[in-house]
Amino acid sequence: MIHSRRFHTRLCRIAATAAIMLASQNYAWGKCDDDWLAIDENRDGDVLLLTARNLADFPITYSVRVRSEAASDTRQHARSKRANGTLAGRQTERLMTLPANDDDAGDISISCTWTIGSRNATHDDDYLYTLPYATGTSYRVIQGFDSRFSHSGVEQYAVDFKMDVGTPVHAARDGVVARIEESNDKGCWQDGCGRYANYIVIMHDDGTTGEYYHLQYNGALVDVGDRVEAGQKIGLSGNTGHTALPHLHFAVYKATSRALPQSVPVTFVSADGVVHKPRRGHRYLAVPSHRVGD
């Protein structure tokens, strides 16, 4: 099913003349600010310097677009600049400079998109993933790779497992918990319902993320910063977000250069052997993670 988008966009408008009034002070407008990415403006003479700050401990890939509508005599003309990059945890990076004098100043709109992970990450295609549920259990696949219903584009290589609310969810791969949302208690099928999804995002050693969606209210059993191992119980499945029935949505994602996530193909190990492409309607029996690669 479709779930909460895992990339984030902010858009707002400032008046460059206001920046001039603040002289050379450092300040953050809050335009693109949230708990992960902040865009700061600092005036230095006739120049406005934009800086990106990663407020979290994990890498993010961003895309910042600046559009200015500057006045020149009686005419208006628009200019646009874009900066793309990856910030390591807590890193700050200079983005660009803009004119900040009376002749060139005007309204400036800044739009920001970011996603967890590095655009330079390379997925370990040889890794065998543990199925994301308890050893000795199996759950029916209701959507696999390339499903025409909703697994295309960003979600091309996602898998949906039909699970009752409260079913234990287990880590499919070792990693560090990077992000958690568990405050929602609503599931629906209308546009915009994705914002109600509960989820756990785990950063893998190769820079990709394993993401577990539609968890129940207060359904995270781990905390941000926890190191988890494949097979470890991490949460409880649910029916939150953009969903039509209780299930677990699992996929591994890589950040793209445009700060958008893209699912990547993964291979699971089961009691019946290696599963390269989970098929709709099939059930796969989970085996202990220590058997991976045997």
Protein backbone atom coordinates (compact mmCIF):
# COMPACT_ATOMS: atom_id res chain seq x y z
CA MET A 1 0.00 0.00 0.00
CA ILE A 2 0.94 3.65 -0.26
CA HIS A 3 2.29 5.14 2.93
CA SER A 4 3.83 8.28 4.33
CA ARG A 5 6.37 9.87 2.00
CA ARG A 6 9.89 9.50 3.37
CA PHE A 7 11.22 12.66 1.79
CA HIS A 8 10.38 16.11 3.09
CA THR A 9 9.66 19.42 1.39
CA ARG A 10 9.45 22.94 2.76
CA LEU A 11 8.51 26.14 0.90
CA CYS A 12 8.35 29.72 2.15
CA ARG A 13 9.04 33.27 1.17
CA ILE A 14 11.25 35.96 2.69
CA ALA A 15 11.94 39.56 1.86
CA ALA A 16 15.59 40.12 1.11
CA THR A 17 15.25 43.72 2.32
CA ALA A 18 14.50 42.34 5.78
CA ALA A 19 17.84 40.59 5.71
CA ILE A 20 19.56 43.89 5.08
CA MET A 21 18.03 45.39 8.21
CA LEU A 22 19.58 42.63 10.33
CA ALA A 23 23.09 43.68 9.28
CA SER A 24 25.66 40.91 9.79
CA GLN A 25 23.80 38.91 12.44
CA ASN A 26 23.39 35.15 12.01
CA TYR A 27 19.75 34.14 12.00
CA ALA A 28 17.48 31.30 10.94
CA TRP A 29 14.14 32.14 9.41
CA GLY A 30 12.68 28.70 9.93
CA LYS A 31 11.84 28.40 6.26
CA CYS A 32 13.16 24.94 5.75
CA ASP A 33 13.76 24.23 9.40
CA ASP A 34 12.48 21.12 11.06
CA ASP A 35 14.17 18.61 13.33
CA TRP A 36 16.61 17.58 10.55
CA LEU A 37 17.43 20.35 8.07
CA ALA A 38 17.89 24.08 8.65
CA ILE A 39 18.67 26.74 6.06
CA ASP A 40 20.33 29.82 7.58
CA GLU A 41 20.86 33.25 6.03
CA ASN A 42 23.75 35.53 6.92
CA ARG A 43 24.39 38.95 5.37
CA ASP A 44 27.98 39.92 4.72
CA GLY A 45 28.08 43.34 3.13
CA ASP A 46 26.14 43.22 -0.13
CA VAL A 47 25.97 39.43 -0.13
CA LEU A 48 23.43 37.09 1.44
CA LEU A 49 25.02 33.73 2.30
CA LEU A 50 22.80 30.63 2.54
CA THR A 51 24.03 27.73 4.66
CA ALA A 52 22.55 24.26 5.17
CA ARG A 53 22.79 22.54 8.57
CA ASN A 54 22.02 18.91 9.33
CA LEU A 55 20.49 18.92 12.81
CA ALA A 56 20.48 15.13 13.15
CA ASP A 57 23.13 12.47 13.72
CA PHE A 58 22.52 10.68 10.40
CA PRO A 59 23.34 11.67 6.82
CA ILE A 60 20.73 13.40 4.69
CA THR A 61 20.65 14.29 1.01
CA TYR A 62 19.09 17.65 0.17
CA SER A 63 17.99 19.75 -2.76
CA VAL A 64 17.49 23.49 -2.22
CA ARG A 65 15.97 25.75 -4.87
CA VAL A 66 16.09 29.51 -4.51
CA ARG A 67 13.93 31.71 -6.69
CA SER A 68 14.25 35.48 -6.48
CA GLU A 69 11.94 38.04 -8.01
CA ALA A 70 14.17 41.09 -8.07
CA ALA A 71 13.07 44.57 -9.01
CA SER A 72 15.04 46.46 -11.64
CA ASP A 73 13.62 49.93 -12.28
CA THR A 74 9.93 49.22 -13.06
CA ARG A 75 10.45 45.65 -14.24
CA GLN A 76 10.39 42.37 -12.38
CA HIS A 77 12.68 39.52 -13.37
CA ALA A 78 13.02 36.10 -11.77
CA ARG A 79 16.19 34.14 -11.16
CA SER A 80 16.55 30.60 -9.94
CA LYS A 81 19.47 28.70 -8.40
CA ARG A 82 19.65 25.16 -7.08
CA ALA A 83 22.05 23.36 -4.73
CA ASN A 84 22.16 19.60 -4.22
CA GLY A 85 24.32 17.66 -1.80
CA THR A 86 24.70 15.28 1.13
CA LEU A 87 25.35 16.34 4.69
CA ALA A 88 26.88 13.99 7.24
CA GLY A 89 25.40 14.00 10.72
CA ARG A 90 25.61 17.49 12.30
CA GLN A 91 27.47 18.85 9.25
CA THR A 92 27.12 22.44 7.99
CA GLU A 93 27.72 23.38 4.36
CA ARG A 94 27.73 26.61 2.39
CA LEU A 95 25.05 26.55 -0.31
CA MET A 96 25.25 29.76 -2.34
CA THR A 97 25.46 33.54 -2.21
CA LEU A 98 22.80 36.01 -3.36
CA PRO A 99 22.91 39.77 -3.90
CA ALA A 100 21.59 41.71 -0.91
CA ASN A 101 21.74 45.32 -2.05
CA ASP A 102 18.87 47.69 -2.60
CA ASP A 103 18.96 47.41 -6.40
CA ASP A 104 18.91 43.63 -6.61
CA ALA A 105 17.01 42.67 -3.44
CA GLY A 106 13.49 41.36 -3.76
CA ASP A 107 11.25 38.55 -2.65
CA ILE A 108 13.08 35.24 -2.29
CA SER A 109 11.34 31.87 -2.08
CA ILE A 110 13.30 28.86 -0.89
CA SER A 111 12.05 25.30 -1.36
CA CYS A 112 13.84 22.40 0.29
CA THR A 113 13.59 18.67 -0.23
CA TRP A 114 15.57 16.16 1.82
CA THR A 115 15.66 12.47 2.52
CA ILE A 116 17.61 10.28 4.93
CA GLY A 117 20.80 8.73 3.55
CA SER A 118 23.70 9.58 1.29
CA ARG A 119 23.38 9.95 -2.47
CA ASN A 120 26.75 8.18 -2.67
CA ALA A 121 25.51 5.03 -0.92
CA THR A 122 25.92 1.74 -2.78
CA HIS A 123 23.60 -1.08 -1.78
CA ASP A 124 25.24 -4.40 -0.97
CA ASP A 125 23.40 -6.55 -3.51
CA ASP A 126 24.95 -9.74 -2.09
CA TYR A 127 23.32 -9.26 1.31
CA LEU A 128 20.59 -11.76 2.22
CA TYR A 129 17.81 -10.13 4.25
CA THR A 130 15.95 -11.82 7.06
CA LEU A 131 12.18 -11.74 6.64
CA PRO A 132 10.75 -8.94 8.82
CA TYR A 133 8.84 -11.16 11.23
CA ALA A 134 9.46 -13.84 13.84
CA THR A 135 11.33 -17.06 13.09
CA GLY A 136 8.96 -19.93 12.36
CA THR A 137 6.12 -17.70 11.18
CA SER A 138 4.93 -16.78 7.71
CA TYR A 139 2.67 -14.05 6.31
CA ARG A 140 0.97 -13.72 2.96
CA VAL A 141 2.43 -11.26 0.47
CA ILE A 142 -0.32 -8.93 -0.72
CA GLN A 143 1.99 -6.82 -2.90
CA GLY A 144 5.45 -7.65 -4.17
CA PHE A 145 7.93 -5.96 -6.48
CA ASP A 146 6.50 -4.07 -9.49
CA SER A 147 2.89 -4.34 -8.31
CA ARG A 148 0.65 -2.28 -10.54
CA PHE A 149 -1.57 -1.33 -7.59
CA SER A 150 0.91 0.94 -5.79
CA HIS A 151 4.43 -0.54 -6.00
CA SER A 152 5.95 1.43 -8.85
CA GLY A 153 8.36 4.33 -9.09
CA VAL A 154 9.76 5.06 -5.63
CA GLU A 155 8.03 1.95 -4.24
CA GLN A 156 9.00 -0.43 -7.06
CA TYR A 157 10.83 -2.87 -4.79
CA ALA A 158 8.62 -2.69 -1.69
CA VAL A 159 6.83 -5.68 -0.17
CA ASP A 160 3.53 -5.70 1.74
CA PHE A 161 2.87 -8.53 4.20
CA LYS A 162 -0.67 -9.05 5.52
CA MET A 163 -0.44 -8.87 9.33
CA ASP A 164 -2.94 -8.39 12.13
CA VAL A 165 -2.57 -5.30 14.28
CA GLY A 166 -0.07 -6.02 17.05
CA THR A 167 1.99 -8.60 15.13
CA PRO A 168 5.71 -8.36 16.10
CA VAL A 169 7.94 -6.81 13.44
CA HIS A 170 11.60 -7.88 13.29
CA ALA A 171 14.63 -6.17 11.75
CA ALA A 172 15.54 -7.53 8.34
CA ARG A 173 19.14 -6.33 8.61
CA ASP A 174 21.59 -4.94 11.17
CA GLY A 175 21.72 -1.17 11.56
CA VAL A 176 21.06 1.88 13.70
CA VAL A 177 17.59 3.29 14.34
CA ALA A 178 17.54 6.70 12.63
CA ARG A 179 13.92 7.82 12.79
CA ILE A 180 10.70 6.78 14.51
CA GLU A 181 7.08 7.91 14.29
CA GLU A 182 4.57 6.19 16.56
CA SER A 183 2.13 8.91 17.63
CA ASN A 184 -0.56 8.27 15.02
CA ASP A 185 -3.67 6.14 15.47
CA LYS A 186 -5.44 6.65 12.15
CA GLY A 187 -5.54 4.69 8.91
CA CYS A 188 -7.51 5.75 5.83
CA TRP A 189 -7.48 5.60 2.05
CA GLN A 190 -8.04 9.22 1.03
CA ASP A 191 -5.36 11.51 -0.37
CA GLY A 192 -3.19 12.85 2.42
CA CYS A 193 -3.64 9.84 4.69
CA GLY A 194 0.06 9.02 4.38
CA ARG A 195 0.87 11.62 7.02
CA TYR A 196 -0.77 9.39 9.64
CA ALA A 197 1.66 6.50 9.15
CA ASN A 198 3.78 5.19 12.01
CA TYR A 199 7.18 3.83 11.02
CA ILE A 200 10.73 2.86 11.93
CA VAL A 201 13.72 3.78 9.75
CA ILE A 202 16.97 1.85 10.24
CA MET A 203 20.26 3.04 8.71
CA HIS A 204 22.32 0.18 7.29
CA ASP A 205 26.10 0.06 7.20
CA ASP A 206 26.11 0.62 3.41
CA GLY A 207 24.17 3.90 3.73
CA THR A 208 20.78 2.55 2.67
CA THR A 209 17.74 2.48 4.94
CA GLY A 210 15.38 -0.32 5.87
CA GLU A 211 11.91 1.12 6.49
CA TYR A 212 8.93 -0.46 8.24
CA TYR A 213 5.56 1.26 7.79
CA HIS A 214 1.95 1.23 9.10
CA LEU A 215 2.93 0.33 12.67
CA GLN A 216 0.35 0.59 15.43
CA TYR A 217 0.06 3.51 17.84
CA ASN A 218 3.05 3.40 20.24
CA GLY A 219 4.26 0.47 18.16
CA ALA A 220 8.03 1.15 18.24
CA LEU A 221 9.98 -1.10 20.61
CA VAL A 222 13.33 0.61 19.93
CA ASP A 223 14.66 4.16 20.27
CA VAL A 224 16.55 6.43 17.88
CA GLY A 225 20.25 5.64 18.15
CA ASP A 226 19.75 1.99 19.13
CA ARG A 227 21.93 -0.54 17.35
CA VAL A 228 19.75 -3.46 16.23
CA GLU A 229 20.57 -6.85 14.78
CA ALA A 230 18.83 -8.77 12.04
CA GLY A 231 16.01 -10.79 13.56
CA GLN A 232 15.57 -8.50 16.57
CA LYS A 233 11.99 -7.52 17.47
CA ILE A 234 11.67 -3.78 16.82
CA GLY A 235 7.97 -2.96 16.63
CA LEU A 236 4.34 -3.95 16.28
CA SER A 237 2.50 -3.93 12.98
CA GLY A 238 -0.66 -1.92 12.56
CA ASN A 239 -2.96 -0.13 10.15
CA THR A 240 -1.89 3.54 10.22
CA GLY A 241 -1.37 5.91 7.33
CA HIS A 242 -2.52 5.39 3.76
CA THR A 243 -3.82 1.87 4.03
CA ALA A 244 -6.88 -0.27 3.29
CA LEU A 245 -6.15 -3.16 5.66
CA PRO A 246 -3.66 -4.09 8.39
CA HIS A 247 -0.27 -4.95 6.93
CA LEU A 248 3.48 -4.27 7.09
CA HIS A 249 5.11 -2.32 4.28
CA PHE A 250 8.84 -3.05 4.07
CA ALA A 251 11.45 -1.76 1.65
CA VAL A 252 15.08 -0.71 1.43
CA TYR A 253 15.76 2.75 0.02
CA LYS A 254 18.69 4.71 -1.37
CA ALA A 255 18.82 8.51 -1.62
CA THR A 256 19.05 9.92 -5.15
CA SER A 257 21.01 12.99 -6.21
CA ARG A 258 17.73 14.98 -6.35
CA ALA A 259 17.06 14.23 -2.67
CA LEU A 260 14.36 11.69 -3.38
CA PRO A 261 14.32 8.10 -2.10
CA GLN A 262 14.29 5.10 -4.42
CA SER A 263 13.60 1.54 -3.34
CA VAL A 264 16.21 -1.04 -4.34
CA PRO A 265 15.77 -4.79 -5.02
CA VAL A 266 16.64 -7.03 -2.09
CA THR A 267 16.93 -10.78 -1.59
CA PHE A 268 15.41 -12.61 1.38
CA VAL A 269 16.30 -15.96 2.91
CA SER A 270 13.49 -18.32 3.94
CA ALA A 271 13.01 -21.94 5.00
CA ASP A 272 12.51 -22.79 1.34
CA GLY A 273 15.69 -21.04 0.22
CA VAL A 274 16.56 -17.68 -1.26
CA VAL A 275 13.70 -15.42 -2.38
CA HIS A 276 14.72 -13.01 -5.13
CA LYS A 277 11.27 -11.66 -5.92
CA PRO A 278 8.48 -12.10 -3.33
CA ARG A 279 5.29 -13.03 -5.13
CA ARG A 280 1.75 -11.93 -4.38
CA GLY A 281 -0.23 -14.63 -2.58
CA HIS A 282 2.86 -16.56 -1.42
CA ARG A 283 3.87 -17.12 2.20
CA TYR A 284 7.52 -17.36 3.21
CA LEU A 285 8.63 -19.07 6.45
CA ALA A 286 11.18 -16.99 8.37
CA VAL A 287 14.42 -18.60 9.55
CA PRO A 288 16.89 -17.38 12.21
CA SER A 289 19.18 -14.62 11.03
CA HIS A 290 22.29 -16.66 11.88
CA ARG A 291 21.38 -19.04 9.03
CA VAL A 292 21.75 -16.27 6.45
CA GLY A 293 24.46 -17.27 4.03
CA ASP A 294 24.56 -20.93 5.17
